[in-house]
Structures are given as structure tokens and as C-alpha cells.
PDB file of all heavy atoms in Angstrom:
ATOM      1  N   ARG A   1      62.971  28.521  -6.663  1.00  0.00           N
ATOM      2  CA  ARG A   1      61.700  28.630  -7.374  1.00  0.00           C
ATOM      3  C   ARG A   1      60.820  29.730  -6.745  1.00  0.00           C
ATOM      4  O   ARG A   1      60.222  30.548  -7.448  1.00  0.00           O
ATOM      5  CB  ARG A   1      60.967  27.285  -7.355  1.00  0.00           C
ATOM      6  CG  ARG A   1      59.725  27.258  -8.243  1.00  0.00           C
ATOM      7  CD  ARG A   1      59.112  25.843  -8.240  1.00  0.00           C
ATOM      8  NE  ARG A   1      57.992  25.758  -9.135  1.00  0.00           N
ATOM      9  CZ  ARG A   1      58.080  25.521 -10.431  1.00  0.00           C
ATOM     10  NH1 ARG A   1      59.267  25.320 -10.971  1.00  0.00           N
ATOM     11  NH2 ARG A   1      56.991  25.457 -11.186  1.00  0.00           N
ATOM     12  N   LEU A   2      60.777  29.730  -5.420  1.00  0.00           N
ATOM     13  CA  LEU A   2      59.987  30.735  -4.715  1.00  0.00           C
ATOM     14  C   LEU A   2      60.567  32.126  -4.937  1.00  0.00           C
ATOM     15  O   LEU A   2      59.828  33.097  -5.140  1.00  0.00           O
ATOM     16  CB  LEU A   2      59.938  30.415  -3.218  1.00  0.00           C
ATOM     17  CG  LEU A   2      59.147  31.366  -2.321  1.00  0.00           C
ATOM     18  CD1 LEU A   2      57.690  31.464  -2.775  1.00  0.00           C
ATOM     19  CD2 LEU A   2      59.234  30.925  -0.855  1.00  0.00           C
ATOM     20  N   ALA A   3      61.889  32.218  -4.937  1.00  0.00           N
ATOM     21  CA  ALA A   3      62.563  33.491  -5.177  1.00  0.00           C
ATOM     22  C   ALA A   3      62.210  34.056  -6.551  1.00  0.00           C
ATOM     23  O   ALA A   3      61.978  35.247  -6.716  1.00  0.00           O
ATOM     24  CB  ALA A   3      64.074  33.321  -5.038  1.00  0.00           C
ATOM     25  N   HIS A   4      62.152  33.145  -7.553  1.00  0.00           N
ATOM     26  CA  HIS A   4      61.793  33.559  -8.906  1.00  0.00           C
ATOM     27  C   HIS A   4      60.361  34.089  -8.960  1.00  0.00           C
ATOM     28  O   HIS A   4      60.090  35.120  -9.592  1.00  0.00           O
ATOM     29  CB  HIS A   4      61.952  32.388  -9.883  1.00  0.00           C
ATOM     30  CG  HIS A   4      61.543  32.735 -11.286  1.00  0.00           C
ATOM     31  ND1 HIS A   4      62.340  33.491 -12.122  1.00  0.00           N
ATOM     32  CD2 HIS A   4      60.402  32.430 -11.983  1.00  0.00           C
ATOM     33  CE1 HIS A   4      61.705  33.656 -13.278  1.00  0.00           C
ATOM     34  NE2 HIS A   4      60.528  32.997 -13.228  1.00  0.00           N
ATOM     35  N   ASN A   5      59.456  33.392  -8.304  1.00  0.00           N
ATOM     36  CA  ASN A   5      58.046  33.810  -8.304  1.00  0.00           C
ATOM     37  C   ASN A   5      57.869  35.170  -7.630  1.00  0.00           C
ATOM     38  O   ASN A   5      57.120  36.023  -8.100  1.00  0.00           O
ATOM     39  CB  ASN A   5      57.183  32.765  -7.606  1.00  0.00           C
ATOM     40  CG  ASN A   5      57.080  31.473  -8.400  1.00  0.00           C
ATOM     41  OD1 ASN A   5      57.291  31.453  -9.620  1.00  0.00           O
ATOM     42  ND2 ASN A   5      56.754  30.365  -7.722  1.00  0.00           N
ATOM     43  N   ILE A   6      58.553  35.350  -6.498  1.00  0.00           N
ATOM     44  CA  ILE A   6      58.456  36.634  -5.774  1.00  0.00           C
ATOM     45  C   ILE A   6      59.056  37.756  -6.616  1.00  0.00           C
ATOM     46  O   ILE A   6      58.484  38.838  -6.728  1.00  0.00           O
ATOM     47  CB  ILE A   6      59.171  36.541  -4.408  1.00  0.00           C
ATOM     48  CG1 ILE A   6      58.476  35.524  -3.505  1.00  0.00           C
ATOM     49  CG2 ILE A   6      59.201  37.910  -3.723  1.00  0.00           C
ATOM     50  CD1 ILE A   6      59.251  35.203  -2.222  1.00  0.00           C
ATOM     51  N   ALA A   7      60.204  37.492  -7.217  1.00  0.00           N
ATOM     52  CA  ALA A   7      60.888  38.499  -8.025  1.00  0.00           C
ATOM     53  C   ALA A   7      60.075  38.908  -9.249  1.00  0.00           C
ATOM     54  O   ALA A   7      60.192  40.037  -9.727  1.00  0.00           O
ATOM     55  CB  ALA A   7      62.266  37.992  -8.452  1.00  0.00           C
ATOM     56  N   SER A   8      59.245  37.994  -9.726  1.00  0.00           N
ATOM     57  CA  SER A   8      58.468  38.235 -10.938  1.00  0.00           C
ATOM     58  C   SER A   8      57.114  38.901 -10.664  1.00  0.00           C
ATOM     59  O   SER A   8      56.417  39.283 -11.607  1.00  0.00           O
ATOM     60  CB  SER A   8      58.237  36.918 -11.680  1.00  0.00           C
ATOM     61  OG  SER A   8      59.467  36.270 -11.966  1.00  0.00           O
ATOM     62  N   THR A   9      56.722  39.011  -9.398  1.00  0.00           N
ATOM     63  CA  THR A   9      55.401  39.543  -9.082  1.00  0.00           C
ATOM     64  C   THR A   9      55.269  41.000  -9.515  1.00  0.00           C
ATOM     65  O   THR A   9      56.247  41.754  -9.528  1.00  0.00           O
ATOM     66  CB  THR A   9      55.095  39.416  -7.584  1.00  0.00           C
ATOM     67  OG1 THR A   9      53.750  39.831  -7.351  1.00  0.00           O
ATOM     68  CG2 THR A   9      56.028  40.301  -6.747  1.00  0.00           C
ATOM     69  N   ARG A  10      54.033  41.371  -9.862  1.00  0.00           N
ATOM     70  CA  ARG A  10      53.757  42.754 -10.262  1.00  0.00           C
ATOM     71  C   ARG A  10      52.956  43.500  -9.195  1.00  0.00           C
ATOM     72  O   ARG A  10      52.404  44.574  -9.452  1.00  0.00           O
ATOM     73  CB  ARG A  10      53.011  42.783 -11.592  1.00  0.00           C
ATOM     74  CG  ARG A  10      53.836  42.235 -12.751  1.00  0.00           C
ATOM     75  CD  ARG A  10      53.153  42.474 -14.064  1.00  0.00           C
ATOM     76  NE  ARG A  10      53.959  42.028 -15.185  1.00  0.00           N
ATOM     77  CZ  ARG A  10      53.627  42.186 -16.460  1.00  0.00           C
ATOM     78  NH1 ARG A  10      52.481  42.791 -16.757  1.00  0.00           N
ATOM     79  NH2 ARG A  10      54.422  41.755 -17.428  1.00  0.00           N
ATOM     80  N   LYS A  11      52.903  42.925  -8.020  1.00  0.00           N
ATOM     81  CA  LYS A  11      52.197  43.568  -6.922  1.00  0.00           C
ATOM     82  C   LYS A  11      52.907  44.872  -6.528  1.00  0.00           C
ATOM     83  O   LYS A  11      54.079  45.080  -6.826  1.00  0.00           O
ATOM     84  CB  LYS A  11      52.138  42.631  -5.718  1.00  0.00           C
ATOM     85  CG  LYS A  11      51.361  41.339  -5.959  1.00  0.00           C
ATOM     86  CD  LYS A  11      49.852  41.611  -5.997  1.00  0.00           C
ATOM     87  CE  LYS A  11      49.078  40.280  -6.080  1.00  0.00           C
ATOM     88  NZ  LYS A  11      47.602  40.528  -6.109  1.00  0.00           N
ATOM     89  N   GLY A  12      52.174  45.745  -5.827  1.00  0.00           N
ATOM     90  CA  GLY A  12      52.728  47.019  -5.402  1.00  0.00           C
ATOM     91  C   GLY A  12      53.787  46.877  -4.316  1.00  0.00           C
ATOM     92  O   GLY A  12      53.911  45.828  -3.669  1.00  0.00           O
ATOM     93  N   TYR A  13      54.543  47.978  -4.098  1.00  0.00           N
ATOM     94  CA  TYR A  13      55.656  47.949  -3.158  1.00  0.00           C
ATOM     95  C   TYR A  13      55.219  47.567  -1.744  1.00  0.00           C
ATOM     96  O   TYR A  13      55.852  46.751  -1.076  1.00  0.00           O
ATOM     97  CB  TYR A  13      56.343  49.318  -3.124  1.00  0.00           C
ATOM     98  CG  TYR A  13      57.203  49.605  -4.338  1.00  0.00           C
ATOM     99  CD1 TYR A  13      56.870  50.624  -5.228  1.00  0.00           C
ATOM    100  CD2 TYR A  13      58.361  48.869  -4.567  1.00  0.00           C
ATOM    101  CE1 TYR A  13      57.667  50.903  -6.327  1.00  0.00           C
ATOM    102  CE2 TYR A  13      59.173  49.143  -5.661  1.00  0.00           C
ATOM    103  CZ  TYR A  13      58.819  50.154  -6.539  1.00  0.00           C
ATOM    104  OH  TYR A  13      59.609  50.414  -7.631  1.00  0.00           O
ATOM    105  N   GLN A  14      54.142  48.181  -1.261  1.00  0.00           N
ATOM    106  CA  GLN A  14      53.692  47.927   0.100  1.00  0.00           C
ATOM    107  C   GLN A  14      53.285  46.467   0.303  1.00  0.00           C
ATOM    108  O   GLN A  14      53.608  45.855   1.326  1.00  0.00           O
ATOM    109  CB  GLN A  14      52.513  48.848   0.445  1.00  0.00           C
ATOM    110  CG  GLN A  14      52.892  50.312   0.635  1.00  0.00           C
ATOM    111  CD  GLN A  14      53.752  50.538   1.852  1.00  0.00           C
ATOM    112  OE1 GLN A  14      53.552  49.936   2.902  1.00  0.00           O
ATOM    113  NE2 GLN A  14      54.743  51.409   1.732  1.00  0.00           N
ATOM    114  N   PHE A  15      52.595  45.916  -0.689  1.00  0.00           N
ATOM    115  CA  PHE A  15      52.175  44.510  -0.622  1.00  0.00           C
ATOM    116  C   PHE A  15      53.389  43.591  -0.543  1.00  0.00           C
ATOM    117  O   PHE A  15      53.442  42.683   0.290  1.00  0.00           O
ATOM    118  CB  PHE A  15      51.317  44.166  -1.845  1.00  0.00           C
ATOM    119  CG  PHE A  15      50.838  42.740  -1.867  1.00  0.00           C
ATOM    120  CD1 PHE A  15      49.624  42.399  -1.282  1.00  0.00           C
ATOM    121  CD2 PHE A  15      51.594  41.727  -2.470  1.00  0.00           C
ATOM    122  CE1 PHE A  15      49.181  41.076  -1.291  1.00  0.00           C
ATOM    123  CE2 PHE A  15      51.151  40.416  -2.488  1.00  0.00           C
ATOM    124  CZ  PHE A  15      49.939  40.091  -1.897  1.00  0.00           C
ATOM    125  N   ILE A  16      54.360  43.836  -1.418  1.00  0.00           N
ATOM    126  CA  ILE A  16      55.562  42.999  -1.467  1.00  0.00           C
ATOM    127  C   ILE A  16      56.350  43.096  -0.158  1.00  0.00           C
ATOM    128  O   ILE A  16      56.800  42.085   0.387  1.00  0.00           O
ATOM    129  CB  ILE A  16      56.448  43.397  -2.660  1.00  0.00           C
ATOM    130  CG1 ILE A  16      55.734  43.058  -3.976  1.00  0.00           C
ATOM    131  CG2 ILE A  16      57.817  42.704  -2.592  1.00  0.00           C
ATOM    132  CD1 ILE A  16      56.367  43.663  -5.200  1.00  0.00           C
ATOM    133  N   ALA A  17      56.500  44.325   0.369  1.00  0.00           N
ATOM    134  CA  ALA A  17      57.293  44.531   1.584  1.00  0.00           C
ATOM    135  C   ALA A  17      56.694  43.836   2.798  1.00  0.00           C
ATOM    136  O   ALA A  17      57.408  43.545   3.759  1.00  0.00           O
ATOM    137  CB  ALA A  17      57.443  46.019   1.858  1.00  0.00           C
ATOM    138  N   LYS A  18      55.387  43.563   2.750  1.00  0.00           N
ATOM    139  CA  LYS A  18      54.709  42.913   3.868  1.00  0.00           C
ATOM    140  C   LYS A  18      54.559  41.404   3.676  1.00  0.00           C
ATOM    141  O   LYS A  18      54.040  40.712   4.571  1.00  0.00           O
ATOM    142  CB  LYS A  18      53.337  43.560   4.090  1.00  0.00           C
ATOM    143  CG  LYS A  18      53.407  45.005   4.565  1.00  0.00           C
ATOM    144  CD  LYS A  18      52.031  45.623   4.698  1.00  0.00           C
ATOM    145  CE  LYS A  18      52.116  47.080   5.128  1.00  0.00           C
ATOM    146  NZ  LYS A  18      50.779  47.710   5.228  1.00  0.00           N
ATOM    147  N   MET A  19      54.991  40.904   2.498  1.00  0.00           N
ATOM    148  CA  MET A  19      54.919  39.470   2.244  1.00  0.00           C
ATOM    149  C   MET A  19      55.752  38.690   3.266  1.00  0.00           C
ATOM    150  O   MET A  19      56.830  39.131   3.674  1.00  0.00           O
ATOM    151  CB  MET A  19      55.426  39.143   0.834  1.00  0.00           C
ATOM    152  CG  MET A  19      54.485  39.589  -0.274  1.00  0.00           C
ATOM    153  SD  MET A  19      55.191  39.264  -1.923  1.00  0.00           S
ATOM    154  CE  MET A  19      55.275  37.460  -1.912  1.00  0.00           C
ATOM    155  N   ARG A  20      55.233  37.546   3.657  1.00  0.00           N
ATOM    156  CA  ARG A  20      55.883  36.743   4.683  1.00  0.00           C
ATOM    157  C   ARG A  20      57.335  36.427   4.318  1.00  0.00           C
ATOM    158  O   ARG A  20      58.235  36.491   5.172  1.00  0.00           O
ATOM    159  CB  ARG A  20      55.095  35.447   4.889  1.00  0.00           C
ATOM    160  CG  ARG A  20      55.690  34.520   5.950  1.00  0.00           C
ATOM    161  CD  ARG A  20      54.636  33.485   6.354  1.00  0.00           C
ATOM    162  NE  ARG A  20      54.286  32.606   5.255  1.00  0.00           N
ATOM    163  CZ  ARG A  20      54.845  31.388   5.051  1.00  0.00           C
ATOM    164  NH1 ARG A  20      55.760  30.938   5.867  1.00  0.00           N
ATOM    165  NH2 ARG A  20      54.439  30.637   4.032  1.00  0.00           N
ATOM    166  N   TRP A  21      57.575  36.092   3.061  1.00  0.00           N
ATOM    167  CA  TRP A  21      58.915  35.682   2.657  1.00  0.00           C
ATOM    168  C   TRP A  21      59.881  36.866   2.558  1.00  0.00           C
ATOM    169  O   TRP A  21      61.083  36.718   2.787  1.00  0.00           O
ATOM    170  CB  TRP A  21      58.858  34.914   1.334  1.00  0.00           C
ATOM    171  CG  TRP A  21      58.159  33.602   1.484  1.00  0.00           C
ATOM    172  CD1 TRP A  21      56.943  33.239   0.987  1.00  0.00           C
ATOM    173  CD2 TRP A  21      58.628  32.485   2.243  1.00  0.00           C
ATOM    174  NE1 TRP A  21      56.615  31.974   1.375  1.00  0.00           N
ATOM    175  CE2 TRP A  21      57.648  31.476   2.158  1.00  0.00           C
ATOM    176  CE3 TRP A  21      59.782  32.232   2.982  1.00  0.00           C
ATOM    177  CZ2 TRP A  21      57.776  30.247   2.775  1.00  0.00           C
ATOM    178  CZ3 TRP A  21      59.920  31.011   3.613  1.00  0.00           C
ATOM    179  CH2 TRP A  21      58.917  30.026   3.499  1.00  0.00           C
ATOM    180  N   ILE A  22      59.364  38.047   2.230  1.00  0.00           N
ATOM    181  CA  ILE A  22      60.207  39.243   2.214  1.00  0.00           C
ATOM    182  C   ILE A  22      60.596  39.626   3.646  1.00  0.00           C
ATOM    183  O   ILE A  22      61.743  39.980   3.928  1.00  0.00           O
ATOM    184  CB  ILE A  22      59.506  40.420   1.505  1.00  0.00           C
ATOM    185  CG1 ILE A  22      59.289  40.104   0.023  1.00  0.00           C
ATOM    186  CG2 ILE A  22      60.302  41.714   1.667  1.00  0.00           C
ATOM    187  CD1 ILE A  22      60.570  39.950  -0.771  1.00  0.00           C
ATOM    188  N   VAL A  23      59.623  39.536   4.536  1.00  0.00           N
ATOM    189  CA  VAL A  23      59.886  39.809   5.957  1.00  0.00           C
ATOM    190  C   VAL A  23      60.904  38.814   6.504  1.00  0.00           C
ATOM    191  O   VAL A  23      61.780  39.168   7.299  1.00  0.00           O
ATOM    192  CB  VAL A  23      58.581  39.779   6.783  1.00  0.00           C
ATOM    193  CG1 VAL A  23      58.887  39.899   8.275  1.00  0.00           C
ATOM    194  CG2 VAL A  23      57.638  40.890   6.329  1.00  0.00           C
ATOM    195  N   PHE A  24      60.806  37.539   6.060  1.00  0.00           N
ATOM    196  CA  PHE A  24      61.764  36.513   6.459  1.00  0.00           C
ATOM    197  C   PHE A  24      63.160  36.829   5.926  1.00  0.00           C
ATOM    198  O   PHE A  24      64.159  36.736   6.645  1.00  0.00           O
ATOM    199  CB  PHE A  24      61.307  35.139   5.961  1.00  0.00           C
ATOM    200  CG  PHE A  24      62.354  34.065   6.094  1.00  0.00           C
ATOM    201  CD1 PHE A  24      62.564  33.433   7.315  1.00  0.00           C
ATOM    202  CD2 PHE A  24      63.141  33.689   5.000  1.00  0.00           C
ATOM    203  CE1 PHE A  24      63.547  32.446   7.436  1.00  0.00           C
ATOM    204  CE2 PHE A  24      64.113  32.704   5.117  1.00  0.00           C
ATOM    205  CZ  PHE A  24      64.316  32.086   6.341  1.00  0.00           C
ATOM    206  N   ALA A  25      63.221  37.194   4.628  1.00  0.00           N
ATOM    207  CA  ALA A  25      64.509  37.456   3.984  1.00  0.00           C
ATOM    208  C   ALA A  25      65.187  38.701   4.559  1.00  0.00           C
ATOM    209  O   ALA A  25      66.403  38.735   4.736  1.00  0.00           O
ATOM    210  CB  ALA A  25      64.320  37.610   2.477  1.00  0.00           C
ATOM    211  N   LEU A  26      64.368  39.730   4.847  1.00  0.00           N
ATOM    212  CA  LEU A  26      64.885  40.980   5.402  1.00  0.00           C
ATOM    213  C   LEU A  26      64.343  41.150   6.818  1.00  0.00           C
ATOM    214  O   LEU A  26      63.661  42.116   7.141  1.00  0.00           O
ATOM    215  CB  LEU A  26      64.484  42.164   4.510  1.00  0.00           C
ATOM    216  CG  LEU A  26      65.019  42.133   3.075  1.00  0.00           C
ATOM    217  CD1 LEU A  26      64.377  43.219   2.233  1.00  0.00           C
ATOM    218  CD2 LEU A  26      66.551  42.294   3.071  1.00  0.00           C
ATOM    219  N   ASP A  27      64.636  40.184   7.668  1.00  0.00           N
ATOM    220  CA  ASP A  27      64.096  40.216   9.031  1.00  0.00           C
ATOM    221  C   ASP A  27      64.788  41.287   9.880  1.00  0.00           C
ATOM    222  O   ASP A  27      65.738  41.951   9.438  1.00  0.00           O
ATOM    223  CB  ASP A  27      64.178  38.845   9.692  1.00  0.00           C
ATOM    224  CG  ASP A  27      65.615  38.351   9.888  1.00  0.00           C
ATOM    225  OD1 ASP A  27      66.566  39.132   9.690  1.00  0.00           O
ATOM    226  OD2 ASP A  27      65.795  37.159  10.230  1.00  0.00           O
ATOM    227  N   ASN A  28      64.311  41.439  11.099  1.00  0.00           N
ATOM    228  CA  ASN A  28      64.816  42.502  11.970  1.00  0.00           C
ATOM    229  C   ASN A  28      66.315  42.400  12.208  1.00  0.00           C
ATOM    230  O   ASN A  28      67.033  43.407  12.217  1.00  0.00           O
ATOM    231  CB  ASN A  28      64.068  42.475  13.304  1.00  0.00           C
ATOM    232  CG  ASN A  28      62.584  42.751  13.140  1.00  0.00           C
ATOM    233  OD1 ASN A  28      62.104  43.036  12.046  1.00  0.00           O
ATOM    234  ND2 ASN A  28      61.842  42.692  14.246  1.00  0.00           N
ATOM    235  N   ASP A  29      66.803  41.186  12.400  1.00  0.00           N
ATOM    236  CA  ASP A  29      68.236  41.003  12.671  1.00  0.00           C
ATOM    237  C   ASP A  29      69.086  41.429  11.478  1.00  0.00           C
ATOM    238  O   ASP A  29      70.157  42.028  11.656  1.00  0.00           O
ATOM    239  CB  ASP A  29      68.530  39.548  13.038  1.00  0.00           C
ATOM    240  CG  ASP A  29      68.064  39.200  14.445  1.00  0.00           C
ATOM    241  OD1 ASP A  29      67.879  40.139  15.261  1.00  0.00           O
ATOM    242  OD2 ASP A  29      67.878  37.995  14.734  1.00  0.00           O
TER     243      ASP A  29
END
């Protein structure tokens, strides 16, 4: 459900890339 909401957002690239869940999904490791 959260993945769907994030995928559907119309926010800008920089905002999305800094989202907590995007950082979690694409973490440093």
C-alpha cells in the first residue's frame, strides 16, 4: 500500500529522493 502511494506521488525528483522510505529502499548498502 505504501509502495503504491509513493509510486503515485507527483512530488518533484529531489523531494522523492529524500523521502524516508526511498532512502530506506535505496540505502547505502
